[in-house]
Amino acid sequence: AHSCETCPAGAVCNNSTVIGKINGSVWTPDATYPGRVELVSCPEGYSILNPAVYEEQACVPCAPGRFCRGKGTPSIKCPDKRHSSDKAKGASDCFEAAFVSMTMSLPL
């Protein structure tokens, strides 16, 4: 990022050097806005947060119940009746889960 630009949330900026806070994240110069960088890829288990909002760009852990293949792809929901921990990298990280629904009636 240029010295007069705000550094994106997912990076550490030092003059013209930009280093992603998540190892394996890929930042490139933004062709539309000279002096800015753009987050184009995150490692497996992470997805890009707010790619359209420069200041908020960051790699975030994949949410539970979803998996993230990395690169610039969005997270994918685990198949029905399957769940995952955070940072899941693929469908194989989704495990069979039994969900229980409970209803309680409380005296008024």
C-alpha atoms as a PDB file:
ATOM      1  CA  ALA A   1       0.000   0.000   0.000  1.00  0.00           C
ATOM      2  CA  HIS A   2       1.160   3.504  -0.737  1.00  0.00           C
ATOM      3  CA  SER A   3       2.143   5.570   2.300  1.00  0.00           C
ATOM      4  CA  CYS A   4      -0.999   7.718   2.007  1.00  0.00           C
ATOM      5  CA  GLU A   5      -3.351   4.698   1.690  1.00  0.00           C
ATOM      6  CA  THR A   6      -4.886   2.822   4.612  1.00  0.00           C
ATOM      7  CA  CYS A   7      -3.477  -0.682   4.963  1.00  0.00           C
ATOM      8  CA  PRO A   8      -6.109  -3.431   4.474  1.00  0.00           C
ATOM      9  CA  ALA A   9      -7.195  -5.232   7.665  1.00  0.00           C
ATOM     10  CA  GLY A  10      -5.588  -8.515   6.563  1.00  0.00           C
ATOM     11  CA  ALA A  11      -2.128  -7.117   5.896  1.00  0.00           C
ATOM     12  CA  VAL A  12       0.796  -5.347   7.500  1.00  0.00           C
ATOM     13  CA  CYS A  13       2.099  -2.435   5.424  1.00  0.00           C
ATOM     14  CA  ASN A  14       5.533  -0.841   5.615  1.00  0.00           C
ATOM     15  CA  ASN A  15       5.912   1.886   2.975  1.00  0.00           C
ATOM     16  CA  SER A  16       5.641  -0.041  -0.312  1.00  0.00           C
ATOM     17  CA  THR A  17       5.811  -3.540   1.245  1.00  0.00           C
ATOM     18  CA  VAL A  18       2.622  -5.472   2.005  1.00  0.00           C
ATOM     19  CA  ILE A  19       2.708  -8.719   3.967  1.00  0.00           C
ATOM     20  CA  GLY A  20      -0.444 -10.754   4.588  1.00  0.00           C
ATOM     21  CA  LYS A  21      -1.255 -11.533   8.219  1.00  0.00           C
ATOM     22  CA  ILE A  22      -2.169 -15.080   7.154  1.00  0.00           C
ATOM     23  CA  ASN A  23       0.740 -17.059   5.725  1.00  0.00           C
ATOM     24  CA  GLY A  24      -0.057 -18.010   2.127  1.00  0.00           C
ATOM     25  CA  SER A  25      -2.314 -15.044   1.362  1.00  0.00           C
ATOM     26  CA  VAL A  26      -1.557 -13.423  -2.011  1.00  0.00           C
ATOM     27  CA  TRP A  27      -1.691  -9.652  -2.512  1.00  0.00           C
ATOM     28  CA  THR A  28      -1.146  -7.964  -5.889  1.00  0.00           C
ATOM     29  CA  PRO A  29      -1.074  -4.324  -7.037  1.00  0.00           C
ATOM     30  CA  ASP A  30      -4.605  -3.058  -7.747  1.00  0.00           C
ATOM     31  CA  ALA A  31      -4.811  -2.128 -11.449  1.00  0.00           C
ATOM     32  CA  THR A  32      -7.774   0.183 -10.857  1.00  0.00           C
ATOM     33  CA  TYR A  33      -6.301   2.169  -7.964  1.00  0.00           C
ATOM     34  CA  PRO A  34      -2.531   2.815  -8.207  1.00  0.00           C
ATOM     35  CA  GLY A  35      -0.832   2.599  -4.813  1.00  0.00           C
ATOM     36  CA  ARG A  36      -3.314   0.045  -3.463  1.00  0.00           C
ATOM     37  CA  VAL A  37      -3.044  -3.711  -3.233  1.00  0.00           C
ATOM     38  CA  GLU A  38      -5.732  -6.335  -3.716  1.00  0.00           C
ATOM     39  CA  LEU A  39      -6.180  -9.625  -1.873  1.00  0.00           C
ATOM     40  CA  VAL A  40      -6.551 -12.241  -4.604  1.00  0.00           C
ATOM     41  CA  SER A  41      -6.035 -15.526  -2.786  1.00  0.00           C
ATOM     42  CA  CYS A  42      -6.167 -17.131   0.664  1.00  0.00           C
ATOM     43  CA  PRO A  43      -4.772 -20.526   1.705  1.00  0.00           C
ATOM     44  CA  GLU A  44      -7.046 -23.557   2.116  1.00  0.00           C
ATOM     45  CA  GLY A  45      -9.256 -23.269   5.184  1.00  0.00           C
ATOM     46  CA  TYR A  46      -9.695 -19.510   4.666  1.00  0.00           C
ATOM     47  CA  SER A  47     -11.873 -17.272   2.511  1.00  0.00           C
ATOM     48  CA  ILE A  48     -11.617 -13.617   1.507  1.00  0.00           C
ATOM     49  CA  LEU A  49     -13.595 -11.225   3.707  1.00  0.00           C
ATOM     50  CA  ASN A  50     -15.137  -8.249   1.886  1.00  0.00           C
ATOM     51  CA  PRO A  51     -13.168  -8.373  -1.381  1.00  0.00           C
ATOM     52  CA  ALA A  52     -15.008  -5.267  -2.607  1.00  0.00           C
ATOM     53  CA  VAL A  53     -14.119  -3.104   0.427  1.00  0.00           C
ATOM     54  CA  TYR A  54     -10.408  -2.273   0.267  1.00  0.00           C
ATOM     55  CA  GLU A  55      -9.844  -1.469   3.951  1.00  0.00           C
ATOM     56  CA  GLU A  56     -11.623  -4.652   5.110  1.00  0.00           C
ATOM     57  CA  GLN A  57      -9.907  -7.191   2.842  1.00  0.00           C
ATOM     58  CA  ALA A  58      -8.578 -10.097   4.889  1.00  0.00           C
ATOM     59  CA  CYS A  59      -8.304 -13.876   4.927  1.00  0.00           C
ATOM     60  CA  VAL A  60     -10.700 -15.227   7.567  1.00  0.00           C
ATOM     61  CA  PRO A  61     -11.014 -18.792   8.881  1.00  0.00           C
ATOM     62  CA  CYS A  62     -13.701 -20.822   7.183  1.00  0.00           C
ATOM     63  CA  ALA A  63     -16.810 -20.898   9.392  1.00  0.00           C
ATOM     64  CA  PRO A  64     -18.004 -24.109  11.075  1.00  0.00           C
ATOM     65  CA  GLY A  65     -20.388 -26.026   8.807  1.00  0.00           C
ATOM     66  CA  ARG A  66     -18.541 -24.834   5.685  1.00  0.00           C
ATOM     67  CA  PHE A  67     -15.262 -25.605   3.918  1.00  0.00           C
ATOM     68  CA  CYS A  68     -12.892 -23.340   1.998  1.00  0.00           C
ATOM     69  CA  ARG A  69     -10.728 -24.547  -0.856  1.00  0.00           C
ATOM     70  CA  GLY A  70      -8.632 -21.397  -0.763  1.00  0.00           C
ATOM     71  CA  LYS A  71      -7.582 -19.247  -3.694  1.00  0.00           C
ATOM     72  CA  GLY A  72     -10.286 -16.635  -4.310  1.00  0.00           C
ATOM     73  CA  THR A  73     -13.211 -19.039  -4.049  1.00  0.00           C
ATOM     74  CA  PRO A  74     -16.113 -18.506  -1.631  1.00  0.00           C
ATOM     75  CA  SER A  75     -16.831 -20.932   1.201  1.00  0.00           C
ATOM     76  CA  ILE A  76     -19.044 -23.953   0.481  1.00  0.00           C
ATOM     77  CA  LYS A  77     -21.708 -25.337   2.824  1.00  0.00           C
ATOM     78  CA  CYS A  78     -21.148 -28.907   4.002  1.00  0.00           C
ATOM     79  CA  PRO A  79     -23.606 -31.429   2.535  1.00  0.00           C
ATOM     80  CA  ASP A  80     -26.884 -32.085   4.410  1.00  0.00           C
ATOM     81  CA  LYS A  81     -26.519 -33.750   7.806  1.00  0.00           C
ATOM     82  CA  ARG A  82     -22.800 -33.026   7.810  1.00  0.00           C
ATOM     83  CA  HIS A  83     -20.832 -30.394   9.742  1.00  0.00           C
ATOM     84  CA  SER A  84     -17.230 -29.206  10.039  1.00  0.00           C
ATOM     85  CA  SER A  85     -14.971 -27.404  12.470  1.00  0.00           C
ATOM     86  CA  ASP A  86     -13.593 -24.001  11.538  1.00  0.00           C
ATOM     87  CA  LYS A  87     -10.816 -23.837   8.929  1.00  0.00           C
ATOM     88  CA  ALA A  88     -12.145 -26.911   7.045  1.00  0.00           C
ATOM     89  CA  LYS A  89     -10.329 -27.281   3.718  1.00  0.00           C
ATOM     90  CA  GLY A  90     -12.566 -29.658   1.771  1.00  0.00           C
ATOM     91  CA  ALA A  91     -15.725 -31.781   1.751  1.00  0.00           C
ATOM     92  CA  SER A  92     -13.752 -34.599   3.402  1.00  0.00           C
ATOM     93  CA  ASP A  93     -13.482 -32.361   6.510  1.00  0.00           C
ATOM     94  CA  CYS A  94     -17.294 -32.421   6.839  1.00  0.00           C
ATOM     95  CA  PHE A  95     -18.345 -35.146   9.273  1.00  0.00           C
ATOM     96  CA  GLU A  96     -21.681 -36.816   9.867  1.00  0.00           C
ATOM     97  CA  ALA A  97     -23.640 -34.966  12.518  1.00  0.00           C
ATOM     98  CA  ALA A  98     -26.939 -35.513  14.283  1.00  0.00           C
ATOM     99  CA  PHE A  99     -28.784 -32.326  15.087  1.00  0.00           C
ATOM    100  CA  VAL A 100     -31.390 -32.365  17.844  1.00  0.00           C
ATOM    101  CA  SER A 101     -34.211 -29.866  18.056  1.00  0.00           C
ATOM    102  CA  MET A 102     -35.738 -29.098  21.463  1.00  0.00           C
ATOM    103  CA  THR A 103     -38.802 -27.108  22.458  1.00  0.00           C
ATOM    104  CA  MET A 104     -39.404 -26.041  26.033  1.00  0.00           C
ATOM    105  CA  SER A 105     -42.554 -24.654  27.580  1.00  0.00           C
ATOM    106  CA  LEU A 106     -41.958 -22.475  30.605  1.00  0.00           C
ATOM    107  CA  PRO A 107     -44.659 -21.455  33.051  1.00  0.00           C
ATOM    108  CA  LEU A 108     -45.654 -17.819  32.718  1.00  0.00           C
END
